[in-house]
C-alpha atoms as a PDB file:
ATOM      1  CA  MET A   1      42.295 -29.967  -9.496  1.00  0.00           C
ATOM      2  CA  LYS A   2      41.194 -26.548 -10.470  1.00  0.00           C
ATOM      3  CA  TYR A   3      41.725 -24.399 -13.502  1.00  0.00           C
ATOM      4  CA  CYS A   4      42.488 -20.719 -13.921  1.00  0.00           C
ATOM      5  CA  SER A   5      39.336 -18.859 -14.893  1.00  0.00           C
ATOM      6  CA  PHE A   6      41.369 -16.371 -16.992  1.00  0.00           C
ATOM      7  CA  CYS A   7      43.822 -18.477 -19.022  1.00  0.00           C
ATOM      8  CA  GLY A   8      42.477 -22.005 -18.458  1.00  0.00           C
ATOM      9  CA  THR A   9      45.786 -23.418 -17.134  1.00  0.00           C
ATOM     10  CA  GLN A  10      45.507 -26.364 -14.788  1.00  0.00           C
ATOM     11  CA  ILE A  11      46.555 -25.468 -11.240  1.00  0.00           C
ATOM     12  CA  ASP A  12      47.958 -28.419  -9.298  1.00  0.00           C
ATOM     13  CA  ASP A  13      47.838 -26.797  -5.861  1.00  0.00           C
ATOM     14  CA  ASP A  14      44.226 -26.527  -4.716  1.00  0.00           C
ATOM     15  CA  ASN A  15      45.187 -23.876  -2.146  1.00  0.00           C
ATOM     16  CA  ALA A  16      46.967 -21.629  -4.672  1.00  0.00           C
ATOM     17  CA  LYS A  17      45.776 -18.047  -4.657  1.00  0.00           C
ATOM     18  CA  PHE A  18      47.416 -17.084  -7.968  1.00  0.00           C
ATOM     19  CA  CYS A  19      47.741 -18.811 -11.341  1.00  0.00           C
ATOM     20  CA  PRO A  20      51.373 -19.882 -12.025  1.00  0.00           C
ATOM     21  CA  ASN A  21      50.922 -19.086 -15.736  1.00  0.00           C
ATOM     22  CA  CYS A  22      49.207 -15.672 -15.871  1.00  0.00           C
ATOM     23  CA  GLY A  23      49.488 -14.500 -12.255  1.00  0.00           C
ATOM     24  CA  LYS A  24      45.769 -13.694 -11.859  1.00  0.00           C
ATOM     25  CA  GLY A  25      43.995 -14.485  -8.620  1.00  0.00           C
ATOM     26  CA  THR A  26      42.296 -17.842  -8.412  1.00  0.00           C
ATOM     27  CA  VAL A  27      40.010 -17.022  -5.519  1.00  0.00           C
ATOM     28  CA  ALA A  28      36.496 -16.458  -6.748  1.00  0.00           C
ATOM     29  CA  PRO A  29      35.233 -12.978  -5.964  1.00  0.00           C
ATOM     30  CA  GLN A  30      32.765 -12.781  -3.144  1.00  0.00           C
ATOM     31  CA  TYR A  31      29.453 -11.466  -4.336  1.00  0.00           C
ATOM     32  CA  VAL A  32      27.223  -9.561  -1.993  1.00  0.00           C
ATOM     33  CA  VAL A  33      23.591 -10.398  -2.435  1.00  0.00           C
ATOM     34  CA  GLN A  34      21.428  -7.413  -1.738  1.00  0.00           C
ATOM     35  CA  THR A  35      17.867  -8.040  -0.809  1.00  0.00           C
ATOM     36  CA  ALA A  36      15.290  -5.518  -1.828  1.00  0.00           C
ATOM     37  CA  ASN A  37      13.093  -3.960   0.786  1.00  0.00           C
ATOM     38  CA  VAL A  38       9.818  -5.682   0.127  1.00  0.00           C
ATOM     39  CA  VAL A  39       6.804  -3.599   1.001  1.00  0.00           C
ATOM     40  CA  GLN A  40       4.113  -5.670   2.630  1.00  0.00           C
ATOM     41  CA  ASP A  41       1.015  -4.782   0.648  1.00  0.00           C
ATOM     42  CA  ALA A  42      -2.188  -6.105   2.099  1.00  0.00           C
ATOM     43  CA  PRO A  43      -5.626  -4.667   2.746  1.00  0.00           C
ATOM     44  CA  ASN A  44      -5.666  -2.953   6.091  1.00  0.00           C
ATOM     45  CA  ALA A  45      -8.870  -2.736   8.136  1.00  0.00           C
ATOM     46  CA  GLY A  46      -7.478   0.059  10.308  1.00  0.00           C
ATOM     47  CA  PHE A  47      -6.948   2.355   7.350  1.00  0.00           C
ATOM     48  CA  ALA A  48     -10.371   1.384   5.961  1.00  0.00           C
ATOM     49  CA  VAL A  49     -12.051   2.426   9.231  1.00  0.00           C
ATOM     50  CA  LEU A  50     -10.018   5.633   9.322  1.00  0.00           C
ATOM     51  CA  SER A  51     -11.079   6.341   5.745  1.00  0.00           C
ATOM     52  CA  PHE A  52     -14.711   5.651   6.625  1.00  0.00           C
ATOM     53  CA  PHE A  53     -14.769   8.278   9.357  1.00  0.00           C
ATOM     54  CA  PHE A  54     -12.503  10.725   7.493  1.00  0.00           C
ATOM     55  CA  PRO A  55     -13.135  10.239   3.753  1.00  0.00           C
ATOM     56  CA  LEU A  56     -10.799  13.056   2.712  1.00  0.00           C
ATOM     57  CA  ILE A  57      -7.884  11.310   4.441  1.00  0.00           C
ATOM     58  CA  GLY A  58      -8.927   8.057   2.749  1.00  0.00           C
ATOM     59  CA  LEU A  59      -8.907   9.729  -0.654  1.00  0.00           C
ATOM     60  CA  ILE A  60      -5.462  11.213  -0.025  1.00  0.00           C
ATOM     61  CA  LEU A  61      -4.092   7.836   1.132  1.00  0.00           C
ATOM     62  CA  TYR A  62      -5.621   6.176  -1.925  1.00  0.00           C
ATOM     63  CA  LEU A  63      -3.921   8.625  -4.268  1.00  0.00           C
ATOM     64  CA  VAL A  64      -0.567   8.334  -2.473  1.00  0.00           C
ATOM     65  CA  TRP A  65      -0.511   4.524  -2.242  1.00  0.00           C
ATOM     66  CA  ASN A  66      -2.182   3.661  -5.553  1.00  0.00           C
ATOM     67  CA  ASP A  67       1.114   2.886  -7.339  1.00  0.00           C
ATOM     68  CA  THR A  68       3.231   1.468  -4.518  1.00  0.00           C
ATOM     69  CA  MET A  69       0.667  -0.452  -2.426  1.00  0.00           C
ATOM     70  CA  PRO A  70      -2.452  -1.057  -4.526  1.00  0.00           C
ATOM     71  CA  LEU A  71      -4.212  -3.424  -2.105  1.00  0.00           C
ATOM     72  CA  ARG A  72      -3.893  -1.060   0.840  1.00  0.00           C
ATOM     73  CA  ALA A  73      -4.889   1.865  -1.387  1.00  0.00           C
ATOM     74  CA  LYS A  74      -7.965  -0.041  -2.521  1.00  0.00           C
ATOM     75  CA  SER A  75      -9.064  -0.640   1.083  1.00  0.00           C
ATOM     76  CA  CYS A  76      -8.640   3.075   1.830  1.00  0.00           C
ATOM     77  CA  GLY A  77     -10.611   3.980  -1.289  1.00  0.00           C
ATOM     78  CA  LYS A  78     -13.430   1.596  -0.385  1.00  0.00           C
ATOM     79  CA  GLY A  79     -13.579   2.949   3.155  1.00  0.00           C
ATOM     80  CA  ALA A  80     -13.717   6.530   1.884  1.00  0.00           C
ATOM     81  CA  LEU A  81     -16.416   5.714  -0.674  1.00  0.00           C
ATOM     82  CA  ILE A  82     -18.571   3.865   1.854  1.00  0.00           C
ATOM     83  CA  GLY A  83     -18.053   6.720   4.316  1.00  0.00           C
ATOM     84  CA  VAL A  84     -19.226   9.322   1.791  1.00  0.00           C
ATOM     85  CA  ILE A  85     -22.269   7.203   0.903  1.00  0.00           C
ATOM     86  CA  ALA A  86     -23.088   6.776   4.605  1.00  0.00           C
ATOM     87  CA  TYR A  87     -22.742  10.517   5.262  1.00  0.00           C
ATOM     88  CA  VAL A  88     -24.982  11.393   2.311  1.00  0.00           C
ATOM     89  CA  GLY A  89     -27.533   8.788   3.412  1.00  0.00           C
ATOM     90  CA  PHE A  90     -27.484  10.156   6.954  1.00  0.00           C
ATOM     91  CA  ILE A  91     -28.029  13.723   5.732  1.00  0.00           C
ATOM     92  CA  VAL A  92     -30.917  12.637   3.476  1.00  0.00           C
ATOM     93  CA  LEU A  93     -32.484  10.723   6.374  1.00  0.00           C
ATOM     94  CA  VAL A  94     -32.189  13.730   8.688  1.00  0.00           C
ATOM     95  CA  LEU A  95     -33.708  16.034   6.066  1.00  0.00           C
ATOM     96  CA  VAL A  96     -36.629  13.667   5.454  1.00  0.00           C
ATOM     97  CA  LEU A  97     -37.307  13.297   9.176  1.00  0.00           C
ATOM     98  CA  PHE A  98     -36.968  17.029   9.747  1.00  0.00           C
ATOM     99  CA  SER A  99     -39.343  17.861   6.894  1.00  0.00           C
ATOM    100  CA  ALA A 100     -41.876  15.271   8.117  1.00  0.00           C
ATOM    101  CA  LEU A 101     -41.688  16.682  11.620  1.00  0.00           C
ATOM    102  CA  ALA A 102     -41.941  20.252  10.347  1.00  0.00           C
ATOM    103  CA  SER A 103     -44.972  19.465   8.176  1.00  0.00           C
ATOM    104  CA  ALA A 104     -46.670  17.736  11.108  1.00  0.00           C
ATOM    105  CA  VAL A 105     -46.086  20.752  13.354  1.00  0.00           C
ATOM    106  CA  ILE A 106     -47.103  23.308  10.723  1.00  0.00           C
ATOM    107  CA  GLY A 107     -50.156  21.261   9.679  1.00  0.00           C
ATOM    108  CA  THR A 108     -51.615  21.286  13.216  1.00  0.00           C
ATOM    109  CA  THR A 109     -51.018  24.958  13.891  1.00  0.00           C
ATOM    110  CA  HIS A 110     -54.094  27.161  13.665  1.00  0.00           C
ATOM    111  CA  TYR A 111     -53.616  30.675  12.553  1.00  0.00           C
ATOM    112  CA  LEU A 112     -55.865  33.325  13.941  1.00  0.00           C
ATOM    113  CA  TYR A 113     -56.548  36.159  11.541  1.00  0.00           C
END
């Protein structure tokens, strides 16, 4: 036994497509379930390495993905930050070595006046 969902009348025929009292359809509407496109957000080592070698690209990716994919953006930001620190450290090391070498060369040179 089923009942009309509009008027509540009992419908004797289980295969009836219309209510005998009000004439409305008895078949339940088919609902379409839409699934949302889920973005897979996870830290990505490839983007972190890319950001390490090209910190400007890492900064841009961090700013673009910060709202939509925060974990991936964070890995890009970390890679860019570590890359900048490594570049600055490398430049400081080169300058210290160059100045030590230059002072050693200049200190042993004898000027003839």
